[in-house]
């Protein structure tokens, strides 16, 4: 296995950008994780869907991070920062998920902290230099709410009919964290 270079590393996981070569493993893990992800999340589960998805996550408006188990390099999940707005706002919206084989092991939680460090680190230090991150979560998604709560996010309110998910407009709780 080629040596992996991580943007940030924790004891058990590292985060890095998406690569075209990750498509087969990512989509296989997404298919294996359908029961875990639905009805909250629909990551790409075919190579045809993965390629444009991964390509969009490397730009000015988005940053995508794959969560890898350091011991094996296996993909354990993903954390994406979408809708990055610069200027006076310096904000982005999070999207994330663990893959089924990694769920419940704390790997996504460890990686989440690494992504927060990357997001809030100044650009001069290789970070994104953001001031605020939001996580918009359907109220019944207890695991996702617990994750952001553990990382210090505060509940700011409810956004009715916020996102079109799984064939309907869904309410979402708006959780946010600002740089220290």
Protein backbone atom coordinates (compact mmCIF):
# COMPACT_ATOMS: atom_id res chain seq x y z
CA UNK A 1 0.00 0.00 0.00
CA UNK A 2 1.33 3.45 -0.89
CA UNK A 3 2.03 5.69 2.08
CA UNK A 4 -0.88 8.02 2.77
CA UNK A 5 -0.31 11.65 3.59
CA UNK A 6 -2.88 13.16 5.91
CA UNK A 7 -3.75 16.81 6.37
CA UNK A 8 -4.25 16.07 10.06
CA UNK A 9 -3.84 12.95 12.17
CA UNK A 10 -5.27 11.69 15.41
CA UNK A 11 -4.39 8.54 17.33
CA UNK A 12 -6.62 6.30 15.18
CA UNK A 13 -7.61 8.30 12.09
CA UNK A 14 -6.24 10.72 9.56
CA UNK A 15 -8.11 13.05 7.22
CA UNK A 16 -7.21 13.69 3.61
CA UNK A 17 -8.81 14.90 0.42
CA UNK A 18 -10.81 12.77 -1.98
CA UNK A 19 -9.04 11.05 -4.89
CA UNK A 20 -10.45 9.45 -8.02
CA UNK A 21 -8.78 6.20 -6.92
CA UNK A 22 -10.98 6.16 -3.79
CA UNK A 23 -14.13 5.67 -5.87
CA UNK A 24 -14.38 1.88 -5.71
CA UNK A 25 -13.86 1.69 -1.93
CA UNK A 26 -16.03 4.74 -1.18
CA UNK A 27 -18.97 3.48 -3.24
CA UNK A 28 -18.70 -0.06 -1.84
CA UNK A 29 -18.71 1.36 1.71
CA UNK A 30 -21.69 3.60 0.83
CA UNK A 31 -23.65 0.58 -0.45
CA UNK A 32 -22.77 -1.41 2.70
CA UNK A 33 -23.96 1.53 4.83
CA UNK A 34 -27.37 2.20 3.29
CA UNK A 35 -29.27 0.96 6.34
CA UNK A 36 -27.17 3.18 8.60
CA UNK A 37 -27.43 6.29 6.43
CA UNK A 38 -31.06 6.23 5.39
CA UNK A 39 -33.19 8.35 5.66
CA UNK A 40 -30.65 11.02 6.60
CA UNK A 41 -27.90 10.70 4.05
CA UNK A 42 -27.41 9.54 0.46
CA UNK A 43 -23.69 9.45 -0.40
CA UNK A 44 -22.81 8.33 -3.92
CA UNK A 45 -22.84 4.55 -4.28
CA UNK A 46 -21.80 4.21 -7.93
CA UNK A 47 -18.60 5.29 -9.65
CA UNK A 48 -20.65 7.41 -12.05
CA UNK A 49 -22.05 9.37 -9.09
CA UNK A 50 -18.80 9.41 -7.10
CA UNK A 51 -16.63 11.09 -9.73
CA UNK A 52 -18.54 14.41 -9.99
CA UNK A 53 -19.25 14.35 -6.23
CA UNK A 54 -15.56 14.06 -5.35
CA UNK A 55 -14.54 16.62 -7.97
CA UNK A 56 -16.92 19.22 -6.47
CA UNK A 57 -15.31 18.84 -3.04
CA UNK A 58 -12.03 20.41 -4.04
CA UNK A 59 -12.64 24.09 -4.65
CA UNK A 60 -13.29 27.49 -3.20
CA UNK A 61 -16.86 26.70 -2.10
CA UNK A 62 -16.33 23.17 -0.73
CA UNK A 63 -13.72 21.12 1.07
CA UNK A 64 -14.03 17.36 1.39
CA UNK A 65 -12.18 15.11 3.81
CA UNK A 66 -12.07 11.35 3.85
CA UNK A 67 -11.67 9.71 7.24
CA UNK A 68 -9.09 6.92 7.10
CA UNK A 69 -8.12 4.40 9.73
CA UNK A 70 -4.43 4.98 10.25
CA UNK A 71 -3.65 1.32 10.96
CA UNK A 72 -5.00 0.11 7.61
CA UNK A 73 -5.76 3.15 5.44
CA UNK A 74 -9.37 1.92 5.11
CA UNK A 75 -12.05 4.54 4.63
CA UNK A 76 -14.11 4.96 7.79
CA UNK A 77 -16.28 7.91 6.73
CA UNK A 78 -16.24 11.46 5.42
CA UNK A 79 -16.69 15.05 6.57
CA UNK A 80 -17.40 17.74 3.99
CA UNK A 81 -17.62 21.49 4.36
CA UNK A 82 -20.09 22.83 1.82
CA UNK A 83 -21.33 26.30 0.89
CA UNK A 84 -18.18 28.06 2.03
CA UNK A 85 -18.75 31.81 1.97
CA UNK A 86 -15.80 34.15 2.37
CA UNK A 87 -15.65 37.88 3.06
CA UNK A 88 -17.33 39.04 6.25
CA UNK A 89 -19.10 35.68 6.71
CA UNK A 90 -16.18 33.12 6.68
CA UNK A 91 -18.63 30.25 7.15
CA UNK A 92 -19.44 26.77 5.88
CA UNK A 93 -22.00 24.00 6.33
CA UNK A 94 -21.01 20.49 7.39
CA UNK A 95 -22.08 17.18 5.90
CA UNK A 96 -20.71 13.92 7.29
CA UNK A 97 -21.18 10.24 7.79
CA UNK A 98 -19.46 7.15 9.14
CA UNK A 99 -19.42 3.95 7.16
CA UNK A 100 -21.20 0.99 8.77
CA UNK A 101 -18.04 -1.00 9.60
CA UNK A 102 -16.70 2.03 11.52
CA UNK A 103 -19.91 3.19 13.19
CA UNK A 104 -19.96 3.24 16.97
CA UNK A 105 -16.17 3.08 17.29
CA UNK A 106 -15.56 6.81 17.79
CA UNK A 107 -13.62 7.18 14.55
CA UNK A 108 -15.92 9.81 13.03
CA UNK A 109 -15.87 11.74 16.30
CA UNK A 110 -12.08 11.78 16.30
CA UNK A 111 -12.02 12.88 12.64
CA UNK A 112 -14.67 15.52 13.29
CA UNK A 113 -12.30 17.22 15.71
CA UNK A 114 -9.52 17.13 13.12
CA UNK A 115 -11.79 18.72 10.51
CA UNK A 116 -12.79 21.45 12.97
CA UNK A 117 -9.10 22.15 13.57
CA UNK A 118 -8.52 22.32 9.81
CA UNK A 119 -11.54 24.56 9.23
CA UNK A 120 -10.68 27.08 11.93
CA UNK A 121 -6.90 27.12 11.43
CA UNK A 122 -5.66 30.26 9.66
CA UNK A 123 -4.93 29.97 5.96
CA UNK A 124 -1.31 30.90 6.73
CA UNK A 125 -1.10 27.59 8.64
CA UNK A 126 -2.73 25.58 5.83
CA UNK A 127 -6.24 25.74 7.28
CA UNK A 128 -9.42 27.19 5.83
CA UNK A 129 -9.53 30.25 8.10
CA UNK A 130 -13.27 29.94 8.75
CA UNK A 131 -15.05 31.67 11.62
CA UNK A 132 -18.28 29.65 11.73
CA UNK A 133 -19.49 26.16 10.89
CA UNK A 134 -23.09 25.01 10.78
CA UNK A 135 -24.55 21.52 10.91
CA UNK A 136 -28.18 21.27 9.82
CA UNK A 137 -29.62 18.08 11.26
CA UNK A 138 -33.03 16.45 11.05
CA UNK A 139 -34.48 16.47 14.60
CA UNK A 140 -34.82 12.66 14.79
CA UNK A 141 -31.15 12.05 13.95
CA UNK A 142 -30.02 11.52 17.54
CA UNK A 143 -26.53 10.22 16.64
CA UNK A 144 -25.70 13.29 14.56
CA UNK A 145 -27.01 15.66 17.22
CA UNK A 146 -24.93 13.88 19.87
CA UNK A 147 -21.82 14.22 17.68
CA UNK A 148 -22.10 17.98 17.23
CA UNK A 149 -23.08 18.49 20.87
CA UNK A 150 -19.93 16.62 21.99
CA UNK A 151 -17.88 19.03 19.89
CA UNK A 152 -19.36 22.15 21.44
CA UNK A 153 -21.93 23.14 18.82
CA UNK A 154 -24.90 25.15 20.09
CA UNK A 155 -28.49 24.76 18.97
CA UNK A 156 -29.57 27.97 17.26
CA UNK A 157 -33.05 27.03 16.12
CA UNK A 158 -35.31 25.04 13.85
CA UNK A 159 -35.49 25.64 10.10
CA UNK A 160 -38.83 24.28 8.81
CA UNK A 161 -38.80 22.62 5.37
CA UNK A 162 -35.07 23.35 5.13
CA UNK A 163 -33.76 20.63 2.79
CA UNK A 164 -35.30 18.31 0.23
CA UNK A 165 -34.26 14.86 1.46
CA UNK A 166 -35.62 11.45 0.49
CA UNK A 167 -38.53 12.87 -1.51
CA UNK A 168 -39.79 15.55 0.90
CA UNK A 169 -38.89 18.89 2.44
CA UNK A 170 -37.51 18.16 5.91
CA UNK A 171 -37.22 20.30 9.02
CA UNK A 172 -33.68 20.67 10.36
CA UNK A 173 -32.20 21.87 13.61
CA UNK A 174 -29.48 24.44 13.04
CA UNK A 175 -26.38 23.79 15.15
CA UNK A 176 -23.34 26.11 14.97
CA UNK A 177 -19.84 26.56 16.28
CA UNK A 178 -17.65 29.63 15.96
CA UNK A 179 -13.89 29.91 16.19
CA UNK A 180 -12.51 30.62 19.64
